[in-house]
Amino acid sequence: MQTARHNYLQAEVHTATPQKLQLMLIEAAIKNIHRVKKAWDEERFEAGFDSLALAQDIVAEILSSVDKEGNPELAGKIASIYVFIFRCLSEGGMSHDRQKLDDALRVLNSERETWRQVCEKFGTSVNNETSARLDLSTSSPTKVLVPPKPSGISTAMFGRPKDTPNSSGKSWDV
């Protein structure tokens, strides 16, 4: 069963539009923050740390993919959003401050809604199917290799990392 799920997710990631990949990454970050909070509630601090590290890695990857050349002013504003989220995660993790995690979640939920609307505008099917796959009850996460966002997409903000032409080499818990 896990292999079939893994294959399905791999296929979905490799055929997803850049907008859908962005949405999937945001949803994975949200899911991992919820996992942190749940682990803290259950006093499983190592598991909480692992989920927090994944959420931070995802946010860092999103931040690093912001295309600063196309529209530097807009890129700076977008980058500041993800820097804020990353800072909230870092500060929340150091002090086990749930409010900091909630601040990050509030912004990520807004970003998720924005990217859902972007996906719908560009004709990418978005429904609760993605959220269902990212259910918090999933105890064993699936690692999926996420290809970088190609440059020149309609939003013009997320480009292919210059040092990796075909793959980011990163795997994310989706």
Protein backbone atom coordinates (compact mmCIF):
# COMPACT_ATOMS: atom_id res chain seq x y z
CA MET A 1 0.00 0.00 0.00
CA GLN A 2 2.79 2.42 0.88
CA THR A 3 4.49 1.77 -2.47
CA ALA A 4 1.30 2.52 -4.39
CA ARG A 5 0.82 5.75 -2.42
CA HIS A 6 4.45 6.71 -2.98
CA ASN A 7 4.17 6.04 -6.74
CA TYR A 8 0.96 8.06 -6.93
CA LEU A 9 2.51 11.02 -5.14
CA GLN A 10 5.67 10.82 -7.27
CA ALA A 11 3.56 10.90 -10.43
CA GLU A 12 1.48 13.80 -9.15
CA VAL A 13 4.54 15.84 -8.23
CA HIS A 14 6.26 15.24 -11.55
CA THR A 15 3.16 16.23 -13.52
CA ALA A 16 2.06 19.14 -11.33
CA THR A 17 2.14 22.72 -12.51
CA PRO A 18 4.50 25.10 -10.69
CA GLN A 19 1.49 26.64 -8.97
CA LYS A 20 0.30 23.26 -7.72
CA LEU A 21 3.81 22.41 -6.49
CA GLN A 22 3.84 25.66 -4.52
CA LEU A 23 0.48 24.77 -3.00
CA MET A 24 1.67 21.26 -2.13
CA LEU A 25 4.77 22.63 -0.39
CA ILE A 26 2.72 25.11 1.62
CA GLU A 27 0.30 22.36 2.64
CA ALA A 28 3.20 20.11 3.65
CA ALA A 29 4.63 22.90 5.83
CA ILE A 30 1.22 23.40 7.46
CA LYS A 31 0.87 19.67 8.08
CA ASN A 32 4.29 19.50 9.71
CA ILE A 33 3.53 22.43 12.01
CA HIS A 34 0.39 20.64 13.15
CA ARG A 35 2.53 17.55 13.75
CA VAL A 36 4.87 19.63 15.92
CA LYS A 37 1.99 20.82 18.07
CA LYS A 38 0.59 17.31 18.38
CA ALA A 39 4.00 15.89 19.31
CA TRP A 40 4.45 18.58 21.96
CA ASP A 41 1.02 17.75 23.39
CA GLU A 42 2.09 14.11 23.65
CA GLU A 43 5.53 15.08 25.02
CA ARG A 44 7.26 13.47 22.03
CA PHE A 45 9.76 16.28 21.68
CA GLU A 46 12.14 14.51 19.30
CA ALA A 47 9.29 13.83 16.86
CA GLY A 48 8.23 17.46 17.25
CA PHE A 49 11.76 18.61 16.44
CA ASP A 50 11.83 16.42 13.31
CA SER A 51 8.54 17.86 12.06
CA LEU A 52 9.66 21.39 12.88
CA ALA A 53 12.88 20.85 10.93
CA LEU A 54 10.87 19.62 7.92
CA ALA A 55 8.59 22.66 8.07
CA GLN A 56 11.62 24.96 8.26
CA ASP A 57 13.29 23.17 5.34
CA ILE A 58 10.17 23.57 3.22
CA VAL A 59 9.85 27.26 4.04
CA ALA A 60 13.56 27.76 3.32
CA GLU A 61 13.17 26.04 -0.05
CA ILE A 62 10.19 28.24 -0.93
CA LEU A 63 12.19 31.31 0.12
CA SER A 64 15.21 30.29 -1.93
CA SER A 65 13.06 29.83 -5.03
CA VAL A 66 11.78 33.41 -5.08
CA ASP A 67 12.95 34.96 -8.37
CA LYS A 68 14.60 38.18 -7.34
CA GLU A 69 15.45 39.24 -10.91
CA GLY A 70 11.98 39.53 -12.47
CA ASN A 71 10.51 42.09 -10.08
CA PRO A 72 12.90 42.81 -7.20
CA GLU A 73 10.42 44.92 -5.22
CA LEU A 74 7.70 42.28 -5.30
CA ALA A 75 10.26 39.53 -4.66
CA GLY A 76 11.41 41.39 -1.55
CA LYS A 77 7.86 41.58 -0.23
CA ILE A 78 7.27 37.89 -0.89
CA ALA A 79 10.60 36.96 0.66
CA SER A 80 9.75 38.95 3.79
CA ILE A 81 6.61 36.84 4.25
CA TYR A 82 8.60 33.60 4.22
CA VAL A 83 11.36 35.09 6.40
CA PHE A 84 8.65 35.96 8.94
CA ILE A 85 7.28 32.40 8.80
CA PHE A 86 10.76 30.93 9.18
CA ARG A 87 11.51 33.22 12.13
CA CYS A 88 8.24 32.23 13.83
CA LEU A 89 9.12 28.56 13.40
CA SER A 90 12.64 29.07 14.74
CA GLU A 91 11.58 31.11 17.74
CA GLY A 92 8.62 28.85 18.45
CA GLY A 93 10.79 25.76 18.31
CA MET A 94 13.44 27.16 20.65
CA SER A 95 10.96 28.15 23.34
CA HIS A 96 8.12 25.68 22.59
CA ASP A 97 5.95 28.73 21.98
CA ARG A 98 2.70 27.56 20.40
CA GLN A 99 1.71 31.16 19.67
CA LYS A 100 4.71 31.55 17.35
CA LEU A 101 3.68 28.37 15.52
CA ASP A 102 0.12 29.71 15.31
CA ASP A 103 1.48 32.95 13.81
CA ALA A 104 3.30 30.93 11.14
CA LEU A 105 0.16 28.87 10.52
CA ARG A 106 -1.98 31.98 10.14
CA VAL A 107 0.27 33.32 7.37
CA LEU A 108 0.70 29.90 5.72
CA ASN A 109 -3.07 29.37 5.68
CA SER A 110 -3.45 32.71 3.93
CA GLU A 111 -0.73 31.71 1.45
CA ARG A 112 -2.47 28.38 0.88
CA GLU A 113 -5.72 30.12 0.01
CA THR A 114 -3.89 32.50 -2.34
CA TRP A 115 -2.18 29.61 -4.14
CA ARG A 116 -5.45 27.69 -4.38
CA GLN A 117 -6.92 30.70 -6.15
CA VAL A 118 -3.85 30.93 -8.42
CA CYS A 119 -4.22 27.25 -9.30
CA GLU A 120 -7.90 27.68 -10.08
CA LYS A 121 -7.18 30.75 -12.22
CA PHE A 122 -4.64 28.81 -14.28
CA GLY A 123 -6.95 25.83 -14.64
CA THR A 124 -5.13 23.51 -12.26
CA SER A 125 -7.58 21.24 -10.52
CA VAL A 126 -7.58 21.94 -6.82
CA ASN A 127 -9.94 20.25 -4.48
CA ASN A 128 -9.83 18.66 -1.07
CA GLU A 129 -7.95 15.73 -2.57
CA THR A 130 -4.56 17.31 -1.78
CA SER A 131 -5.58 18.13 1.76
CA ALA A 132 -6.91 14.61 2.26
CA ARG A 133 -3.53 13.15 1.30
CA LEU A 134 -1.91 15.48 3.79
CA ASP A 135 -4.08 14.20 6.62
CA LEU A 136 -2.43 14.55 10.01
CA SER A 137 -3.36 11.00 10.96
CA THR A 138 -0.78 9.68 8.51
CA SER A 139 1.87 8.27 10.80
CA SER A 140 4.52 7.47 8.21
CA PRO A 141 5.22 10.37 5.87
CA THR A 142 6.00 9.80 2.24
CA LYS A 143 9.11 11.41 0.85
CA VAL A 144 8.62 12.86 -2.59
CA LEU A 145 11.31 14.40 -4.74
CA VAL A 146 10.07 17.83 -5.71
CA PRO A 147 11.44 19.19 -8.97
CA PRO A 148 12.24 22.90 -8.94
CA LYS A 149 9.77 25.38 -10.28
CA PRO A 150 10.64 26.30 -13.87
CA SER A 151 11.37 29.91 -14.63
CA GLY A 152 8.99 31.98 -16.67
CA ILE A 153 5.72 30.80 -15.12
CA SER A 154 2.83 33.20 -15.21
CA THR A 155 3.33 34.39 -11.66
CA ALA A 156 6.95 35.23 -12.61
CA MET A 157 8.08 34.91 -9.01
CA PHE A 158 9.37 31.38 -8.68
CA GLY A 159 12.26 30.24 -10.82
CA ARG A 160 14.52 27.24 -11.28
CA PRO A 161 17.55 27.33 -8.98
CA LYS A 162 20.48 28.34 -11.14
CA ASP A 163 22.85 25.65 -9.86
CA THR A 164 20.50 22.68 -10.40
CA PRO A 165 19.06 22.38 -13.92
CA ASN A 166 16.84 19.32 -13.47
CA SER A 167 16.10 18.68 -9.84
CA SER A 168 16.42 20.37 -6.50
CA GLY A 169 17.61 17.10 -5.03
CA LYS A 170 15.39 17.76 -2.05
CA SER A 171 12.71 15.47 -0.78
CA TRP A 172 9.81 16.78 1.20
CA ASP A 173 7.31 15.14 3.45
CA VAL A 174 4.03 15.48 1.60
